[in-house]
Amino acid sequence: MGNAVDAQAQGEVAQADEIPETVLITGSLIRGTTAVGVPVTNLSPQDFAMTGALTTADLFRTFPAANVAPGPVATMSGANIDRGTKVNIRGLDTGNATRSLLMIDGMRFPGQGNGQCVIDPSIIPALSLDHIDVLVDGASATYGSDAVGGVVNIILKRNMDGAITQARWTTTEGGKNRYLASAVWGRTWDGGQVTLSYEWYSESPMPGNFHSKFGIDHSPWGFDDRRPLGSSLPATLSTGAPAQPGGGNVGTSANIGHGCTNFYAVPLGTGQNWDAGASGVGPLVPYSASTLNWSNFNDPSNRGTNGLRNQFDPFDIAYYDARQERNGGHITVDQRLTSNISFYGSGFYSNRRGHFTNPSNLSPSATNVLITAVPTFNPYYPTGGAPTNLRAAYNIGWESPGITAFYELAQRYQLGLNIALPADWSGRVWYAMTQDANYSLVSGTVNKNAVSAALGWTIGTTGPTGSTPGIGTWTKPANVPYLNLFCDPLAYQCNSPTTLNYVEGIRNFNERFGSTRRACSSTARCSIFPAVRSRPRSAGPSPASSSRPS
């Protein structure tokens, strides 16, 4: 009996303190609805002028909830150069799948980039934007797993009367100049409108030595020296394998950093220009073209603490930031055909291209820093009783720079009809084609097996592995001159162009995303929802366009 009374009293208290349930809508597939309680931020073209941002991705650097990658710069590695500037809401992207959804006029745009899904909203020029709605909350229930971090919905400009032109120039430390010119024009009339824009920008490259504190030797600040031993000009020689350096902050291995137990620095100015000679392929006889005498070379000025004086930061002969140029624009068209039918169309185009000189210590040109044994029958091998186990550490990136040429093409074309049907129904028939293509061609990166063959070694057979076929014995062709690593390329043309072409390789990356969509849909208008095709700017992203006129 006591228990029953207690239960009744608890029920009365619960009824008195009952709190109404609150439901927050973060997105809806019901057309015309306005999401309530969503944390939506609006960005507009005026924000570009206030922040000084040149591209849409740059504008997101001022947005606290967005994690924006540095862009096509050396710290991202040369293999990522064509991927643009990644915008990552809440930092939830996994690296191989996007968790931030990019939509344009309410229609999703595919992930971009070679081998990695990223979103780069810079495909839409600043003057092409009406505004950007950013939903900084999970919306996967509505839009799918790629919207776990949030949604970026870019709304294209419509219903404009007049024209706007813009020109801008910015510069920064290291000589990074950015030029931009753009224009937008629009006209409206009874029942229709047309708006179109065009943008061009160009960015000059930034050299890798743009700042005295940018580099990979951190020993001045009490940390490790990360310079590779193979980044030496002219070569740094070692007797046998490089020995592990000792002491603090000199590097993490014998091939990285500075130390001196068995190193010898080839003097500046050593060597001579390559000469084809009577054979047409240069010297062939062992020691016949040597310009380095070991008996004169093996002294304190070239060994010990002076043995690593030729080592340098590989960024000194590379780019930090890529040279880029882009053309892009958009067009939107609307026309009422009858009292019940209206036509709409839109399209945008972006073509970003450029080139980048890759640092020799990073992919895709990491093979350009060499530490390789040289056979004694190489015609350039030192005379004067030199050890027979010499290895040369040599940055061939000076003679064969790794260059990445790239482009990214993004475009979409969409057209359709909005139809008012009887009984408060509405229908839509539409067609859309979307494409995003990334391409990069890397040249000048050397193949280390080809380097060994050009020095004179014979590479043994390699058996097949899985779907990779086997490789037979690899030797230097008779018409390829020997490779010379005992010469100063800063003073001479040490090697034949034929030899450099022989050791170089080409890497090609090509990836395309595209879709063609046709749809026919109908919806019923309900009296509790506004019967309009545009939504307030404060509302969250919607699968439908938010700016098509009725």
Protein backbone atom coordinates (compact mmCIF):
# COMPACT_ATOMS: atom_id res chain seq x y z
CA MET A 1 0.00 0.00 0.00
CA GLY A 2 2.82 2.30 0.81
CA ASN A 3 4.46 1.53 -2.48
CA ALA A 4 1.31 2.38 -4.39
CA VAL A 5 1.00 5.79 -2.70
CA ASP A 6 4.64 6.55 -3.52
CA ALA A 7 4.10 5.68 -7.16
CA GLN A 8 1.06 7.94 -7.39
CA ALA A 9 2.94 10.85 -5.81
CA GLN A 10 5.83 10.42 -8.21
CA GLY A 11 3.43 10.46 -11.12
CA GLU A 12 1.87 13.74 -9.91
CA VAL A 13 5.32 15.36 -9.62
CA ALA A 14 6.31 14.15 -13.08
CA GLN A 15 3.10 15.59 -14.51
CA ALA A 16 3.68 18.95 -12.87
CA ASP A 17 7.29 19.21 -14.03
CA GLU A 18 6.73 17.85 -17.53
CA ILE A 19 8.94 19.62 -20.08
CA PRO A 20 7.71 19.76 -23.67
CA GLU A 21 9.87 17.78 -26.09
CA THR A 22 11.93 19.93 -28.47
CA VAL A 23 12.81 18.72 -31.97
CA LEU A 24 15.45 20.56 -34.00
CA ILE A 25 15.26 20.04 -37.77
CA THR A 26 18.68 20.09 -39.38
CA GLY A 27 17.44 19.38 -42.89
CA SER A 28 14.35 18.22 -44.72
CA LEU A 29 13.58 16.60 -48.05
CA ILE A 30 10.14 18.23 -48.04
CA ARG A 31 10.33 21.04 -50.54
CA GLY A 32 9.38 24.47 -49.25
CA THR A 33 10.07 23.69 -45.61
CA THR A 34 12.23 25.94 -43.49
CA ALA A 35 14.60 24.16 -41.11
CA VAL A 36 14.29 25.36 -37.53
CA GLY A 37 17.11 25.60 -35.01
CA VAL A 38 19.98 24.79 -37.38
CA PRO A 39 23.32 26.61 -36.87
CA VAL A 40 23.56 28.16 -40.37
CA THR A 41 26.11 30.83 -41.28
CA ASN A 42 25.74 33.02 -44.35
CA LEU A 43 28.70 34.28 -46.40
CA SER A 44 28.30 36.83 -49.17
CA PRO A 45 30.44 38.54 -51.86
CA GLN A 46 30.89 41.50 -49.49
CA ASP A 47 32.88 39.23 -47.19
CA PHE A 48 35.57 38.90 -49.87
CA ALA A 49 36.19 42.66 -49.77
CA MET A 50 36.18 42.75 -45.97
CA THR A 51 38.62 39.83 -45.53
CA GLY A 52 40.79 40.29 -48.62
CA ALA A 53 40.12 36.69 -49.70
CA LEU A 54 40.85 35.97 -53.35
CA THR A 55 39.04 32.64 -53.68
CA THR A 56 36.07 31.01 -51.97
CA ALA A 57 38.37 28.60 -50.15
CA ASP A 58 40.40 31.57 -48.87
CA LEU A 59 37.19 33.05 -47.47
CA PHE A 60 36.66 29.92 -45.37
CA ARG A 61 39.95 30.61 -43.57
CA THR A 62 38.01 33.28 -41.64
CA PHE A 63 35.33 30.75 -40.68
CA PRO A 64 36.17 29.18 -37.27
CA ALA A 65 34.37 25.88 -37.89
CA ALA A 66 36.30 25.17 -41.09
CA ASN A 67 39.69 23.51 -41.30
CA VAL A 68 41.30 24.79 -44.51
CA ALA A 69 44.39 23.09 -45.94
CA PRO A 70 47.38 25.25 -46.92
CA GLY A 71 46.60 24.66 -50.59
CA PRO A 72 48.92 23.66 -53.44
CA VAL A 73 52.15 24.24 -51.53
CA ALA A 74 55.27 22.17 -50.88
CA THR A 75 54.27 21.20 -47.35
CA MET A 76 51.33 19.29 -48.85
CA SER A 77 53.77 17.27 -51.05
CA GLY A 78 53.99 17.63 -54.80
CA ALA A 79 51.66 14.70 -55.40
CA ASN A 80 48.80 16.80 -53.95
CA ILE A 81 49.42 19.92 -56.03
CA ASP A 82 46.45 19.52 -58.38
CA ARG A 83 43.99 18.95 -55.54
CA GLY A 84 43.31 22.59 -54.79
CA THR A 85 42.51 23.90 -51.32
CA LYS A 86 40.62 21.49 -49.10
CA VAL A 87 37.83 22.86 -46.89
CA ASN A 88 36.97 20.49 -44.05
CA ILE A 89 34.04 21.37 -41.76
CA ARG A 90 34.77 20.40 -38.15
CA GLY A 91 37.94 18.60 -39.29
CA LEU A 92 36.09 15.29 -39.68
CA ASP A 93 37.29 14.25 -43.15
CA THR A 94 39.04 10.89 -43.06
CA GLY A 95 41.65 11.52 -45.76
CA ASN A 96 40.05 9.16 -48.27
CA ALA A 97 36.42 10.20 -47.89
CA THR A 98 34.82 13.59 -47.43
CA ARG A 99 32.67 14.28 -44.38
CA SER A 100 31.73 17.78 -45.56
CA LEU A 101 29.17 17.99 -48.37
CA LEU A 102 29.48 20.59 -51.14
CA MET A 103 26.25 21.57 -52.87
CA ILE A 104 25.68 24.15 -55.59
CA ASP A 105 22.14 25.45 -55.88
CA GLY A 106 21.07 22.60 -53.63
CA MET A 107 22.56 19.84 -55.81
CA ARG A 108 25.54 17.89 -54.51
CA PHE A 109 28.91 18.23 -56.22
CA PRO A 110 31.21 15.18 -56.21
CA GLY A 111 34.39 14.97 -54.18
CA GLN A 112 37.44 16.34 -55.97
CA GLY A 113 41.11 15.42 -56.25
CA ASN A 114 43.34 12.60 -57.43
CA GLY A 115 43.04 9.64 -55.09
CA GLN A 116 41.38 11.63 -52.31
CA CYS A 117 37.90 13.06 -51.91
CA VAL A 118 38.08 16.72 -50.90
CA ILE A 119 35.85 19.73 -51.42
CA ASP A 120 37.23 22.96 -52.84
CA PRO A 121 34.45 25.58 -53.17
CA SER A 122 36.82 27.82 -55.18
CA ILE A 123 35.37 26.31 -58.35
CA ILE A 124 32.73 29.07 -58.02
CA PRO A 125 34.16 32.60 -58.52
CA ALA A 126 33.39 35.28 -55.95
CA LEU A 127 31.20 37.43 -58.22
CA SER A 128 29.20 34.36 -59.29
CA LEU A 129 27.93 33.92 -55.74
CA ASP A 130 24.67 35.21 -54.41
CA HIS A 131 25.58 33.82 -51.00
CA ILE A 132 26.85 30.70 -49.25
CA ASP A 133 24.90 28.83 -46.56
CA VAL A 134 27.09 26.80 -44.23
CA LEU A 135 25.46 24.22 -41.99
CA VAL A 136 27.97 23.40 -39.26
CA ASP A 137 26.18 20.41 -37.84
CA GLY A 138 25.68 16.77 -38.75
CA ALA A 139 23.12 16.29 -41.51
CA SER A 140 23.83 12.71 -42.58
CA ALA A 141 20.24 11.64 -41.97
CA THR A 142 19.16 13.93 -44.79
CA TYR A 143 22.16 14.12 -47.11
CA GLY A 144 24.18 10.97 -46.44
CA SER A 145 27.47 10.06 -44.75
CA ASP A 146 29.39 12.78 -46.59
CA ALA A 147 27.48 15.39 -44.56
CA VAL A 148 28.56 14.20 -41.09
CA GLY A 149 30.63 17.36 -40.54
CA GLY A 150 28.32 19.81 -42.25
CA VAL A 151 27.06 21.16 -45.55
CA VAL A 152 28.29 24.00 -47.76
CA ASN A 153 25.54 25.19 -50.11
CA ILE A 154 26.65 27.73 -52.74
CA ILE A 155 23.84 29.74 -54.31
CA LEU A 156 24.53 31.17 -57.77
CA LYS A 157 23.65 34.77 -58.53
CA ARG A 158 20.29 35.45 -60.18
CA ASN A 159 17.88 38.35 -60.78
CA MET A 160 20.56 40.99 -61.23
CA ASP A 161 20.09 44.23 -63.15
CA GLY A 162 23.31 45.97 -64.17
CA ALA A 163 26.98 45.06 -64.11
CA ILE A 164 29.87 44.84 -61.64
CA THR A 165 33.55 44.67 -62.54
CA GLN A 166 36.42 43.96 -60.18
CA ALA A 167 40.22 44.03 -60.35
CA ARG A 168 42.58 43.12 -57.54
CA TRP A 169 46.29 42.70 -56.94
CA THR A 170 47.89 41.33 -53.80
CA THR A 171 51.43 40.39 -52.89
CA THR A 172 53.19 38.76 -50.00
CA GLU A 173 56.63 37.99 -48.71
CA GLY A 174 58.69 36.00 -51.19
CA GLY A 175 57.20 37.61 -54.30
CA LYS A 176 53.86 35.81 -54.41
CA ASN A 177 51.80 38.07 -56.69
CA ARG A 178 48.11 37.41 -57.23
CA TYR A 179 46.13 39.13 -59.98
CA LEU A 180 42.36 38.94 -60.41
CA ALA A 181 39.88 40.42 -62.89
CA SER A 182 36.20 39.54 -62.95
CA ALA A 183 32.83 40.86 -64.08
CA VAL A 184 29.18 39.98 -63.67
CA TRP A 185 26.25 41.24 -65.74
CA GLY A 186 22.54 40.64 -65.43
CA ARG A 187 19.18 41.73 -66.80
CA THR A 188 15.62 41.07 -65.67
CA TRP A 189 12.35 41.46 -67.52
CA ASP A 190 8.73 40.56 -66.97
CA GLY A 191 8.79 36.84 -66.34
CA GLY A 192 12.48 36.14 -66.70
CA GLN A 193 16.13 36.99 -66.13
CA VAL A 194 19.66 36.19 -67.26
CA THR A 195 22.86 36.60 -65.23
CA LEU A 196 26.38 35.68 -66.30
CA SER A 197 29.88 36.18 -64.92
CA TYR A 198 33.53 35.59 -65.78
CA GLU A 199 36.66 35.52 -63.63
CA TRP A 200 40.38 35.21 -64.38
CA TYR A 201 43.14 35.05 -61.82
CA SER A 202 46.85 34.33 -61.95
CA GLU A 203 49.28 33.54 -59.14
CA SER A 204 53.06 33.68 -59.52
CA PRO A 205 55.09 30.91 -57.86
CA MET A 206 56.87 31.34 -54.56
CA PRO A 207 60.42 29.95 -54.30
CA GLY A 208 61.19 27.44 -51.57
CA ASN A 209 63.74 29.76 -49.94
CA PHE A 210 61.23 32.61 -49.59
CA HIS A 211 61.90 32.93 -45.86
CA SER A 212 65.07 32.37 -43.87
CA LYS A 213 63.18 30.33 -41.27
CA PHE A 214 61.45 28.04 -43.78
CA GLY A 215 63.46 24.87 -44.20
CA ILE A 216 64.09 21.43 -42.77
CA ASP A 217 67.21 22.12 -40.70
CA HIS A 218 65.74 22.72 -37.25
CA SER A 219 69.00 22.45 -35.30
CA PRO A 220 69.25 26.25 -34.71
CA TRP A 221 66.15 25.89 -32.52
CA GLY A 222 67.32 22.79 -30.66
CA PHE A 223 65.65 20.20 -32.87
CA ASP A 224 66.84 17.77 -35.55
CA ASP A 225 68.47 18.55 -38.86
CA ARG A 226 66.16 16.93 -41.44
CA ARG A 227 68.16 17.74 -44.59
CA PRO A 228 68.82 14.59 -46.64
CA LEU A 229 72.47 13.76 -47.26
CA GLY A 230 71.52 13.17 -50.90
CA SER A 231 70.80 16.89 -51.28
CA SER A 232 74.41 17.81 -52.06
CA LEU A 233 75.91 19.84 -54.95
CA PRO A 234 78.53 18.95 -55.91
CA ALA A 235 78.48 15.47 -54.46
CA THR A 236 79.26 14.39 -50.93
CA LEU A 237 81.28 11.14 -51.06
CA SER A 238 81.43 8.40 -48.45
CA THR A 239 83.62 5.33 -48.15
CA GLY A 240 81.03 2.60 -48.04
CA ALA A 241 77.63 3.28 -46.53
CA PRO A 242 77.25 6.63 -44.73
CA ALA A 243 78.09 6.25 -41.05
CA GLN A 244 75.60 7.11 -38.32
CA PRO A 245 76.31 10.68 -37.16
CA GLY A 246 76.81 11.27 -33.46
CA GLY A 247 75.94 14.12 -31.13
CA GLY A 248 72.69 15.93 -30.48
CA ASN A 249 70.29 17.39 -33.05
CA VAL A 250 72.42 16.38 -36.04
CA GLY A 251 69.81 14.15 -37.65
CA THR A 252 67.81 10.99 -37.19
CA SER A 253 69.88 8.63 -39.38
CA ALA A 254 73.07 8.42 -41.38
CA ASN A 255 71.18 9.62 -44.47
CA ILE A 256 69.46 12.59 -42.81
CA GLY A 257 71.11 15.51 -41.06
CA HIS A 258 74.76 16.34 -40.56
CA GLY A 259 77.60 14.46 -38.98
CA CYS A 260 81.09 13.54 -40.14
CA THR A 261 82.84 10.18 -39.82
CA ASN A 262 83.42 9.01 -43.40
CA PHE A 263 82.29 11.93 -45.59
CA TYR A 264 84.23 13.90 -48.21
CA ALA A 265 83.06 17.06 -49.99
CA VAL A 266 83.83 17.33 -53.72
CA PRO A 267 85.40 20.80 -54.20
CA LEU A 268 83.41 23.47 -56.01
CA GLY A 269 84.43 23.82 -59.65
CA THR A 270 85.44 20.17 -60.04
CA GLY A 271 84.76 18.67 -63.47
CA GLN A 272 84.35 19.74 -67.07
CA ASN A 273 81.61 20.03 -69.67
CA TRP A 274 80.43 16.77 -71.19
CA ASP A 275 82.13 16.02 -74.51
CA ALA A 276 80.76 13.47 -76.98
CA GLY A 277 84.30 12.77 -78.28
CA ALA A 278 85.13 10.50 -81.19
CA SER A 279 82.72 7.79 -80.06
CA GLY A 280 79.75 10.18 -79.98
CA VAL A 281 78.79 8.92 -76.53
CA GLY A 282 81.56 10.43 -74.44
CA PRO A 283 84.33 8.65 -72.51
CA LEU A 284 84.09 4.86 -72.15
CA VAL A 285 87.42 3.71 -70.69
CA PRO A 286 87.76 3.50 -66.86
CA TYR A 287 89.38 6.60 -65.28
CA SER A 288 89.71 8.22 -68.74
CA ALA A 289 87.65 11.31 -67.83
CA SER A 290 88.40 11.65 -64.12
CA THR A 291 89.02 15.21 -62.87
CA LEU A 292 89.28 14.27 -59.18
CA ASN A 293 92.57 12.94 -57.79
CA TRP A 294 92.14 11.18 -54.45
CA SER A 295 95.71 11.79 -53.27
CA ASN A 296 95.20 15.55 -53.63
CA PHE A 297 91.56 15.46 -52.52
CA ASN A 298 91.93 13.48 -49.29
CA ASP A 299 92.91 16.29 -46.91
CA PRO A 300 91.28 18.13 -43.96
CA SER A 301 89.79 20.79 -46.24
CA ASN A 302 87.48 18.17 -47.79
CA ARG A 303 86.84 15.73 -44.93
CA GLY A 304 86.03 15.71 -41.24
CA THR A 305 84.05 18.79 -40.23
CA ASN A 306 84.29 20.04 -43.83
CA GLY A 307 82.93 16.83 -45.31
CA LEU A 308 79.32 18.01 -45.44
CA ARG A 309 79.78 21.56 -46.68
CA ASN A 310 78.03 20.73 -50.00
CA GLN A 311 74.79 19.68 -48.28
CA PHE A 312 71.90 22.12 -48.75
CA ASP A 313 68.18 22.45 -48.16
CA PRO A 314 66.33 20.89 -51.16
CA PHE A 315 63.71 23.65 -50.98
CA ASP A 316 66.38 26.09 -52.18
CA ILE A 317 65.98 24.80 -55.76
CA ALA A 318 62.22 24.15 -55.68
CA TYR A 319 58.90 25.96 -55.23
CA TYR A 320 57.06 26.49 -52.00
CA ASP A 321 53.84 27.59 -53.75
CA ALA A 322 52.68 26.65 -57.25
CA ARG A 323 52.22 28.95 -60.21
CA GLN A 324 48.50 28.90 -61.08
CA GLU A 325 45.96 30.44 -63.43
CA ARG A 326 42.22 29.98 -63.60
CA ASN A 327 39.31 30.90 -65.84
CA GLY A 328 35.78 30.43 -64.61
CA GLY A 329 32.26 31.78 -64.65
CA HIS A 330 28.57 30.99 -64.51
CA ILE A 331 25.25 31.65 -66.20
CA THR A 332 21.68 31.43 -64.90
CA VAL A 333 18.54 31.82 -67.00
CA ASP A 334 14.86 31.85 -65.97
CA GLN A 335 11.78 32.36 -68.13
CA ARG A 336 8.08 31.99 -67.44
CA LEU A 337 6.61 30.13 -70.43
CA THR A 338 2.94 30.02 -69.43
CA SER A 339 0.96 30.84 -66.33
CA ASN A 340 1.69 27.32 -65.06
CA ILE A 341 5.11 26.49 -66.53
CA SER A 342 8.48 28.21 -66.07
CA PHE A 343 11.91 27.29 -67.43
CA TYR A 344 15.15 27.49 -65.48
CA GLY A 345 18.74 26.81 -66.46
CA SER A 346 22.17 27.24 -64.92
CA GLY A 347 25.76 26.34 -65.57
CA PHE A 348 29.24 27.01 -64.24
CA TYR A 349 32.75 26.29 -65.46
CA SER A 350 36.15 26.39 -63.76
CA ASN A 351 39.52 25.52 -65.32
CA ARG A 352 42.49 25.81 -62.93
CA ARG A 353 45.94 24.95 -64.25
CA GLY A 354 49.54 25.49 -63.28
CA HIS A 355 52.94 23.97 -62.68
CA PHE A 356 55.16 23.26 -59.71
CA THR A 357 58.86 22.51 -59.24
CA ASN A 358 58.86 19.66 -56.73
CA PRO A 359 61.31 19.55 -53.80
CA SER A 360 63.66 16.61 -54.26
CA ASN A 361 62.95 15.28 -50.76
CA LEU A 362 59.19 14.90 -51.25
CA SER A 363 56.91 12.76 -53.38
CA PRO A 364 56.68 12.56 -56.32
CA SER A 365 60.37 13.55 -56.76
CA ALA A 366 61.86 11.96 -53.65
CA THR A 367 64.07 9.73 -55.84
CA ASN A 368 66.01 12.80 -57.03
CA VAL A 369 68.13 12.78 -53.89
CA LEU A 370 70.66 10.05 -54.63
CA ILE A 371 72.95 8.02 -52.39
CA THR A 372 74.40 5.45 -54.74
CA ALA A 373 77.51 3.33 -55.14
CA VAL A 374 79.64 4.02 -58.22
CA PRO A 375 81.58 1.24 -60.01
CA THR A 376 85.32 1.76 -60.41
CA PHE A 377 85.06 1.26 -64.17
CA ASN A 378 82.92 4.39 -64.49
CA PRO A 379 85.17 6.71 -66.60
CA TYR A 380 84.71 9.56 -64.08
CA TYR A 381 85.81 7.57 -61.00
CA PRO A 382 88.57 9.39 -59.05
CA THR A 383 92.20 8.48 -59.70
CA GLY A 384 95.14 8.57 -57.26
CA GLY A 385 94.37 5.46 -55.24
CA ALA A 386 90.74 6.20 -54.42
CA PRO A 387 88.90 3.56 -52.33
CA THR A 388 86.95 1.08 -54.42
CA ASN A 389 83.74 1.44 -52.38
CA LEU A 390 82.87 5.13 -52.94
CA ARG A 391 79.25 6.23 -52.75
CA ALA A 392 78.01 9.55 -54.08
CA ALA A 393 75.28 11.62 -52.39
CA TYR A 394 74.00 13.92 -55.12
CA ASN A 395 70.86 16.01 -55.79
CA ILE A 396 70.15 15.37 -59.45
CA GLY A 397 67.14 17.69 -59.18
CA TRP A 398 69.37 20.56 -60.35
CA GLU A 399 69.97 18.85 -63.72
CA SER A 400 66.65 17.02 -63.85
CA PRO A 401 64.08 19.02 -61.86
CA GLY A 402 60.83 17.26 -61.06
CA ILE A 403 58.04 19.34 -62.62
CA THR A 404 54.35 18.78 -62.00
CA ALA A 405 52.03 20.23 -64.65
CA PHE A 406 48.37 20.01 -63.65
CA TYR A 407 44.83 21.12 -64.24
CA GLU A 408 41.45 20.79 -62.57
CA LEU A 409 38.28 21.10 -64.64
CA ALA A 410 34.90 21.45 -62.90
CA GLN A 411 31.61 22.10 -64.65
CA ARG A 412 27.88 21.60 -64.43
CA TYR A 413 24.96 22.30 -66.73
CA GLN A 414 21.38 22.03 -65.54
CA LEU A 415 17.99 22.87 -67.07
CA GLY A 416 14.42 22.07 -66.21
CA LEU A 417 10.77 23.04 -65.97
CA ASN A 418 8.73 23.96 -62.90
CA ILE A 419 5.10 23.02 -63.46
CA ALA A 420 2.07 24.05 -61.40
CA LEU A 421 -0.35 21.09 -61.38
CA PRO A 422 -4.02 20.91 -60.35
CA ALA A 423 -5.07 20.24 -56.76
CA ASP A 424 -2.19 22.19 -55.28
CA TRP A 425 0.43 19.87 -56.74
CA SER A 426 3.67 20.99 -58.34
CA GLY A 427 6.01 19.08 -60.64
CA ARG A 428 9.56 19.43 -61.84
CA VAL A 429 11.30 17.95 -64.84
CA TRP A 430 15.03 18.50 -65.07
CA TYR A 431 18.33 17.35 -66.53
CA ALA A 432 21.84 17.92 -65.15
CA MET A 433 25.38 16.97 -66.15
CA THR A 434 28.25 17.31 -63.65
CA GLN A 435 31.94 16.71 -64.22
CA ASP A 436 35.11 17.16 -62.20
CA ALA A 437 38.46 16.09 -63.65
CA ASN A 438 41.93 16.27 -62.11
CA TYR A 439 45.09 15.64 -64.10
CA SER A 440 48.77 15.98 -63.35
CA LEU A 441 51.89 14.99 -65.26
CA VAL A 442 55.15 14.67 -63.34
CA SER A 443 58.34 14.80 -65.40
CA GLY A 444 62.00 14.90 -64.40
CA THR A 445 61.73 12.36 -61.59
CA VAL A 446 64.53 9.81 -61.95
CA ASN A 447 64.31 6.03 -61.78
CA LYS A 448 67.00 4.80 -59.38
CA ASN A 449 67.48 1.55 -61.31
CA ALA A 450 68.09 3.59 -64.46
CA VAL A 451 70.58 5.73 -62.50
CA SER A 452 72.47 2.60 -61.42
CA ALA A 453 72.53 1.33 -65.01
CA ALA A 454 73.75 4.72 -66.32
CA LEU A 455 76.60 4.60 -63.79
CA GLY A 456 77.64 1.23 -65.23
CA TRP A 457 76.04 -1.34 -62.93
CA THR A 458 74.08 -4.33 -64.21
CA ILE A 459 70.70 -4.72 -62.52
CA GLY A 460 69.74 -8.36 -62.01
CA THR A 461 66.46 -9.94 -63.00
CA THR A 462 63.33 -9.26 -60.96
CA GLY A 463 60.66 -11.93 -60.72
CA PRO A 464 56.96 -11.21 -61.22
CA THR A 465 54.89 -10.20 -58.20
CA GLY A 466 51.12 -10.53 -58.41
CA SER A 467 49.99 -8.73 -61.55
CA THR A 468 53.38 -7.00 -61.94
CA PRO A 469 55.45 -8.66 -64.66
CA GLY A 470 59.07 -9.61 -64.12
CA ILE A 471 61.99 -7.50 -65.37
CA GLY A 472 64.98 -8.99 -67.15
CA THR A 473 68.61 -7.99 -66.71
CA TRP A 474 68.99 -4.22 -66.98
CA THR A 475 72.17 -2.67 -68.39
CA LYS A 476 73.04 0.69 -69.87
CA PRO A 477 72.36 0.85 -73.63
CA ALA A 478 75.47 1.39 -75.74
CA ASN A 479 74.17 4.70 -77.11
CA VAL A 480 73.68 6.21 -73.61
CA PRO A 481 76.73 8.04 -72.17
CA TYR A 482 77.90 7.25 -68.65
CA LEU A 483 76.40 9.29 -65.78
CA ASN A 484 78.91 11.56 -64.05
CA LEU A 485 78.36 12.27 -60.33
CA PHE A 486 81.93 13.55 -59.66
CA CYS A 487 81.35 16.94 -61.30
CA ASP A 488 80.01 20.32 -60.16
CA PRO A 489 76.76 20.94 -62.12
CA LEU A 490 76.69 24.51 -60.81
CA ALA A 491 79.78 25.21 -62.94
CA TYR A 492 79.53 22.78 -65.88
CA GLN A 493 77.12 20.81 -68.03
CA CYS A 494 78.29 17.57 -66.48
CA ASN A 495 75.98 15.11 -68.21
CA SER A 496 74.64 14.47 -71.66
CA PRO A 497 70.95 15.28 -72.26
CA THR A 498 70.65 11.71 -73.58
CA THR A 499 71.78 10.35 -70.22
CA LEU A 500 69.39 12.58 -68.28
CA ASN A 501 66.50 11.55 -70.53
CA TYR A 502 67.42 7.90 -69.95
CA VAL A 503 67.24 8.13 -66.14
CA GLU A 504 64.09 10.26 -66.04
CA GLY A 505 60.59 8.90 -65.66
CA ILE A 506 57.07 10.23 -66.15
CA ARG A 507 54.21 9.86 -63.72
CA ASN A 508 50.67 10.49 -64.89
CA PHE A 509 47.68 10.97 -62.56
CA ASN A 510 44.22 11.25 -64.07
CA GLU A 511 40.91 11.05 -62.24
CA ARG A 512 37.40 12.01 -63.30
CA PHE A 513 34.11 12.25 -61.47
CA GLY A 514 30.93 12.80 -63.37
CA SER A 515 27.25 12.13 -63.42
CA THR A 516 24.29 12.70 -65.68
CA ARG A 517 20.97 12.94 -63.95
CA ARG A 518 17.44 13.13 -65.27
CA ALA A 519 14.51 13.45 -62.93
CA CYS A 520 10.81 13.95 -62.87
CA SER A 521 9.21 14.67 -59.53
CA SER A 522 6.04 16.06 -58.08
CA THR A 523 5.13 17.36 -54.66
CA ALA A 524 1.91 18.39 -52.95
CA ARG A 525 1.70 21.81 -51.35
CA CYS A 526 0.52 21.68 -47.78
CA SER A 527 -1.05 24.73 -46.13
CA ILE A 528 1.35 24.61 -43.17
CA PHE A 529 4.33 25.21 -45.51
CA PRO A 530 4.82 28.34 -47.64
CA ALA A 531 4.02 27.68 -51.29
CA VAL A 532 7.15 29.33 -52.65
CA ARG A 533 10.29 28.12 -54.44
CA SER A 534 12.76 30.33 -52.60
CA ARG A 535 13.62 30.10 -48.95
CA PRO A 536 14.82 32.72 -46.48
CA ARG A 537 18.61 33.12 -46.32
CA SER A 538 18.52 32.10 -42.67
CA ALA A 539 17.29 28.61 -43.53
CA GLY A 540 19.49 25.54 -43.80
CA PRO A 541 20.69 23.98 -47.03
CA SER A 542 18.01 22.29 -49.06
CA PRO A 543 18.31 19.72 -51.82
CA ALA A 544 16.46 22.17 -54.06
CA SER A 545 17.79 25.48 -55.33
CA SER A 546 17.00 28.34 -53.00
CA SER A 547 16.89 31.12 -55.55
CA ARG A 548 14.84 30.08 -58.56
CA PRO A 549 12.05 32.60 -59.12
CA SER A 550 8.47 31.42 -59.26
